[in-house]
């Protein structure tokens, strides 16, 4: 690739000087998001509950020449999220990119879902997104930041997937919230988009991936395989970059190996 070509791509997708906050950055997909954003030049704030995973992610990014830090945070706590904003302000940083990637799942049959389980999944998958968009989005608005918010939705936000009732309901709500915020903030310099991954094995869905379910998934996936975390990088960079994605807001970027294209 020529130097001119490299510069062109860097100008489109490069994130030099940007600060990216990745909520759920200690997980499998969230960690990959952190790697992608750091490789594109952003200073990445890995936000999560697991200091061991967070520290390992920061070390890996640093080993590859990137810039990152870990901040412990319960994404369902407004106070914790506000503390992240305050922490960044002390370092003279403002959030340019917010990725809402925290998520939990359960395979409980519908009639057996208890209130506690329902609320736990709603809190992590939906309430945390609402809180983060208010806290970080509000900070962007207050300081006139031309920012990008990327919410992680799911195939189950659009089509019914068996055995994941609460998860599906929360992801459908995340998609709707994304569309509403995109419309609300379009003239204020903040783009809001979502990414809907297909089947990417991670902590929250491994117990759902029984052999019979895996066989069914492969039958409905034209590419006949699971996705790899790094295969979300292109969609993430398009959504994150104010150059490449300058006219992209309210979009749901589906990365599913053709799953939603399959009928019979």
Foldseek 3Di string as FASTA:
>chain_A
DDPVVVVVVLVQQADAPAEEEQAVCLWQLNLLLQLLNQVSHHAYEDEEADPVSQVVSQVVSVVVVGHYDYDYADLLDLVRLLVVQVVQVVVVHAHAEYELDFAAFFLDPPVPDDPVNLVVRLSGLASSVVSNCCNRVVRCLVVLHLHFYEYEAAPLLPDPDHRTVSNSVSSVVVLVVQLVVQVVCVVSNYAGEYEHEAADDIDRCPVVPDPVNLVVLLVLAPQSDGDHSNQCSVVSSCRGGCRNVVPDHSYYHYHYNCNVVGDD
